[in-house]
Amino acid sequence: MPGKDGGGFIVTVILGIVGAVVGGWISTLLGFGKVDGFNIGSFAVAVVGTLVVLFIYRKLRS
């Protein structure tokens, strides 16, 4: 998600980890199956989850 985010390296890493967990939770909740191991599907779910978390983070910060 392009744009400048405040917080630095640590906040970015934490948001990425939280986003991956949220993505896995949403995927399981919607019935796409469990996220297990490292594969393309799990990676895509983690990226989508991270984008959702970043969107919410930016809305709360502004």
N, C-alpha and C. Protein backbone atom coordinates (compact mmCIF):
# COMPACT_ATOMS: atom_id res chain seq x y z
N MET A 1 0.86 -1.16 0.00
CA MET A 1 0.00 0.00 0.00
C MET A 1 0.91 1.23 0.00
N PRO A 2 0.96 1.93 -1.11
CA PRO A 2 1.87 3.07 -1.21
C PRO A 2 1.49 4.20 -0.27
N GLY A 3 2.46 4.97 0.09
CA GLY A 3 2.23 6.13 0.93
C GLY A 3 3.17 6.12 2.11
N LYS A 4 3.24 7.26 2.76
CA LYS A 4 4.15 7.39 3.88
C LYS A 4 3.41 7.05 5.17
N ASP A 5 3.97 6.12 5.91
CA ASP A 5 3.42 5.74 7.21
C ASP A 5 4.42 6.10 8.28
N GLY A 6 3.94 6.74 9.32
CA GLY A 6 4.80 7.04 10.45
C GLY A 6 4.96 5.81 11.32
N GLY A 7 5.94 5.83 12.17
CA GLY A 7 6.09 4.74 13.11
C GLY A 7 7.39 3.99 12.97
N GLY A 8 7.97 4.00 11.80
CA GLY A 8 9.26 3.36 11.63
C GLY A 8 9.19 1.86 11.41
N PHE A 9 10.34 1.25 11.52
CA PHE A 9 10.53 -0.16 11.20
C PHE A 9 9.72 -1.09 12.11
N ILE A 10 9.78 -0.85 13.40
CA ILE A 10 9.12 -1.73 14.37
C ILE A 10 7.60 -1.74 14.15
N VAL A 11 6.99 -0.58 13.99
CA VAL A 11 5.54 -0.51 13.77
C VAL A 11 5.17 -1.19 12.47
N THR A 12 5.98 -1.03 11.44
CA THR A 12 5.71 -1.68 10.16
C THR A 12 5.76 -3.20 10.29
N VAL A 13 6.73 -3.71 11.00
CA VAL A 13 6.84 -5.16 11.21
C VAL A 13 5.65 -5.67 12.00
N ILE A 14 5.28 -4.97 13.06
CA ILE A 14 4.13 -5.38 13.87
C ILE A 14 2.85 -5.37 13.05
N LEU A 15 2.65 -4.34 12.24
CA LEU A 15 1.46 -4.29 11.39
C LEU A 15 1.45 -5.43 10.38
N GLY A 16 2.61 -5.78 9.85
CA GLY A 16 2.69 -6.90 8.91
C GLY A 16 2.33 -8.22 9.56
N ILE A 17 2.83 -8.45 10.76
CA ILE A 17 2.52 -9.70 11.47
C ILE A 17 1.05 -9.76 11.84
N VAL A 18 0.52 -8.66 12.37
CA VAL A 18 -0.90 -8.62 12.72
C VAL A 18 -1.75 -8.81 11.46
N GLY A 19 -1.35 -8.21 10.36
CA GLY A 19 -2.09 -8.35 9.11
C GLY A 19 -2.10 -9.78 8.61
N ALA A 20 -0.99 -10.48 8.74
CA ALA A 20 -0.94 -11.88 8.31
C ALA A 20 -1.87 -12.74 9.16
N VAL A 21 -1.90 -12.48 10.46
CA VAL A 21 -2.80 -13.22 11.35
C VAL A 21 -4.26 -12.89 11.02
N VAL A 22 -4.56 -11.62 10.82
CA VAL A 22 -5.93 -11.21 10.47
C VAL A 22 -6.34 -11.83 9.14
N GLY A 23 -5.45 -11.84 8.17
CA GLY A 23 -5.75 -12.46 6.88
C GLY A 23 -6.06 -13.94 7.02
N GLY A 24 -5.29 -14.64 7.83
CA GLY A 24 -5.55 -16.06 8.06
C GLY A 24 -6.88 -16.29 8.76
N TRP A 25 -7.18 -15.43 9.72
CA TRP A 25 -8.44 -15.54 10.44
C TRP A 25 -9.63 -15.29 9.52
N ILE A 26 -9.55 -14.26 8.69
CA ILE A 26 -10.62 -13.94 7.75
C ILE A 26 -10.78 -15.06 6.73
N SER A 27 -9.68 -15.59 6.24
CA SER A 27 -9.72 -16.69 5.27
C SER A 27 -10.42 -17.91 5.86
N THR A 28 -10.09 -18.25 7.09
CA THR A 28 -10.72 -19.39 7.75
C THR A 28 -12.20 -19.11 8.02
N LEU A 29 -12.50 -17.89 8.43
CA LEU A 29 -13.87 -17.50 8.73
C LEU A 29 -14.77 -17.59 7.49
N LEU A 30 -14.21 -17.20 6.34
CA LEU A 30 -14.99 -17.21 5.09
C LEU A 30 -15.00 -18.58 4.41
N GLY A 31 -14.31 -19.54 4.98
CA GLY A 31 -14.36 -20.90 4.46
C GLY A 31 -13.37 -21.20 3.35
N PHE A 32 -12.32 -20.41 3.24
CA PHE A 32 -11.30 -20.68 2.22
C PHE A 32 -10.30 -21.74 2.68
N GLY A 33 -10.46 -22.21 3.88
CA GLY A 33 -9.55 -23.23 4.41
C GLY A 33 -8.53 -22.65 5.34
N LYS A 34 -7.81 -23.55 6.00
CA LYS A 34 -6.79 -23.12 6.95
C LYS A 34 -5.54 -22.67 6.21
N VAL A 35 -4.85 -21.76 6.83
CA VAL A 35 -3.56 -21.31 6.30
C VAL A 35 -2.49 -22.10 7.04
N ASP A 36 -1.79 -22.94 6.28
CA ASP A 36 -0.76 -23.76 6.91
C ASP A 36 0.46 -23.84 6.01
N GLY A 37 1.60 -23.56 6.58
CA GLY A 37 2.83 -23.61 5.81
C GLY A 37 3.01 -22.38 4.95
N PHE A 38 4.08 -22.39 4.20
CA PHE A 38 4.37 -21.27 3.30
C PHE A 38 4.12 -21.73 1.87
N ASN A 39 3.09 -21.19 1.27
CA ASN A 39 2.78 -21.44 -0.13
C ASN A 39 2.16 -20.19 -0.72
N ILE A 40 1.87 -20.21 -1.99
CA ILE A 40 1.35 -19.01 -2.67
C ILE A 40 0.01 -18.57 -2.08
N GLY A 41 -0.87 -19.51 -1.78
CA GLY A 41 -2.17 -19.16 -1.20
C GLY A 41 -2.03 -18.49 0.15
N SER A 42 -1.19 -19.04 1.01
CA SER A 42 -0.96 -18.46 2.34
C SER A 42 -0.33 -17.07 2.23
N PHE A 43 0.59 -16.93 1.29
CA PHE A 43 1.24 -15.64 1.08
C PHE A 43 0.22 -14.59 0.62
N ALA A 44 -0.65 -14.96 -0.30
CA ALA A 44 -1.67 -14.03 -0.80
C ALA A 44 -2.62 -13.62 0.32
N VAL A 45 -3.03 -14.57 1.14
CA VAL A 45 -3.91 -14.27 2.27
C VAL A 45 -3.21 -13.31 3.23
N ALA A 46 -1.94 -13.53 3.51
CA ALA A 46 -1.20 -12.65 4.41
C ALA A 46 -1.09 -11.24 3.85
N VAL A 47 -0.86 -11.12 2.56
CA VAL A 47 -0.75 -9.80 1.92
C VAL A 47 -2.09 -9.07 1.99
N VAL A 48 -3.18 -9.75 1.68
CA VAL A 48 -4.50 -9.13 1.74
C VAL A 48 -4.82 -8.70 3.17
N GLY A 49 -4.52 -9.55 4.14
CA GLY A 49 -4.75 -9.20 5.53
C GLY A 49 -3.94 -7.99 5.96
N THR A 50 -2.71 -7.92 5.51
CA THR A 50 -1.86 -6.77 5.83
C THR A 50 -2.39 -5.49 5.20
N LEU A 51 -2.89 -5.58 3.98
CA LEU A 51 -3.48 -4.40 3.35
C LEU A 51 -4.70 -3.91 4.13
N VAL A 52 -5.51 -4.83 4.62
CA VAL A 52 -6.68 -4.46 5.42
C VAL A 52 -6.24 -3.76 6.70
N VAL A 53 -5.25 -4.33 7.38
CA VAL A 53 -4.76 -3.74 8.63
C VAL A 53 -4.14 -2.36 8.37
N LEU A 54 -3.37 -2.22 7.30
CA LEU A 54 -2.79 -0.91 6.97
C LEU A 54 -3.86 0.13 6.66
N PHE A 55 -4.91 -0.29 5.96
CA PHE A 55 -6.02 0.62 5.64
C PHE A 55 -6.67 1.12 6.93
N ILE A 56 -6.95 0.19 7.84
CA ILE A 56 -7.57 0.57 9.12
C ILE A 56 -6.62 1.46 9.94
N TYR A 57 -5.34 1.09 9.95
CA TYR A 57 -4.34 1.89 10.69
C TYR A 57 -4.29 3.33 10.17
N ARG A 58 -4.30 3.49 8.85
CA ARG A 58 -4.25 4.84 8.27
C ARG A 58 -5.51 5.63 8.57
N LYS A 59 -6.66 4.96 8.56
CA LYS A 59 -7.91 5.65 8.87
C LYS A 59 -7.94 6.11 10.33
N LEU A 60 -7.40 5.28 11.22
CA LEU A 60 -7.38 5.64 12.63
C LEU A 60 -6.38 6.76 12.92
N ARG A 61 -5.29 6.79 12.17
CA ARG A 61 -4.25 7.81 12.38
C ARG A 61 -4.64 9.17 11.82
N SER A 62 -5.53 9.21 10.84
CA SER A 62 -5.87 10.51 10.23
C SER A 62 -7.08 11.16 10.87
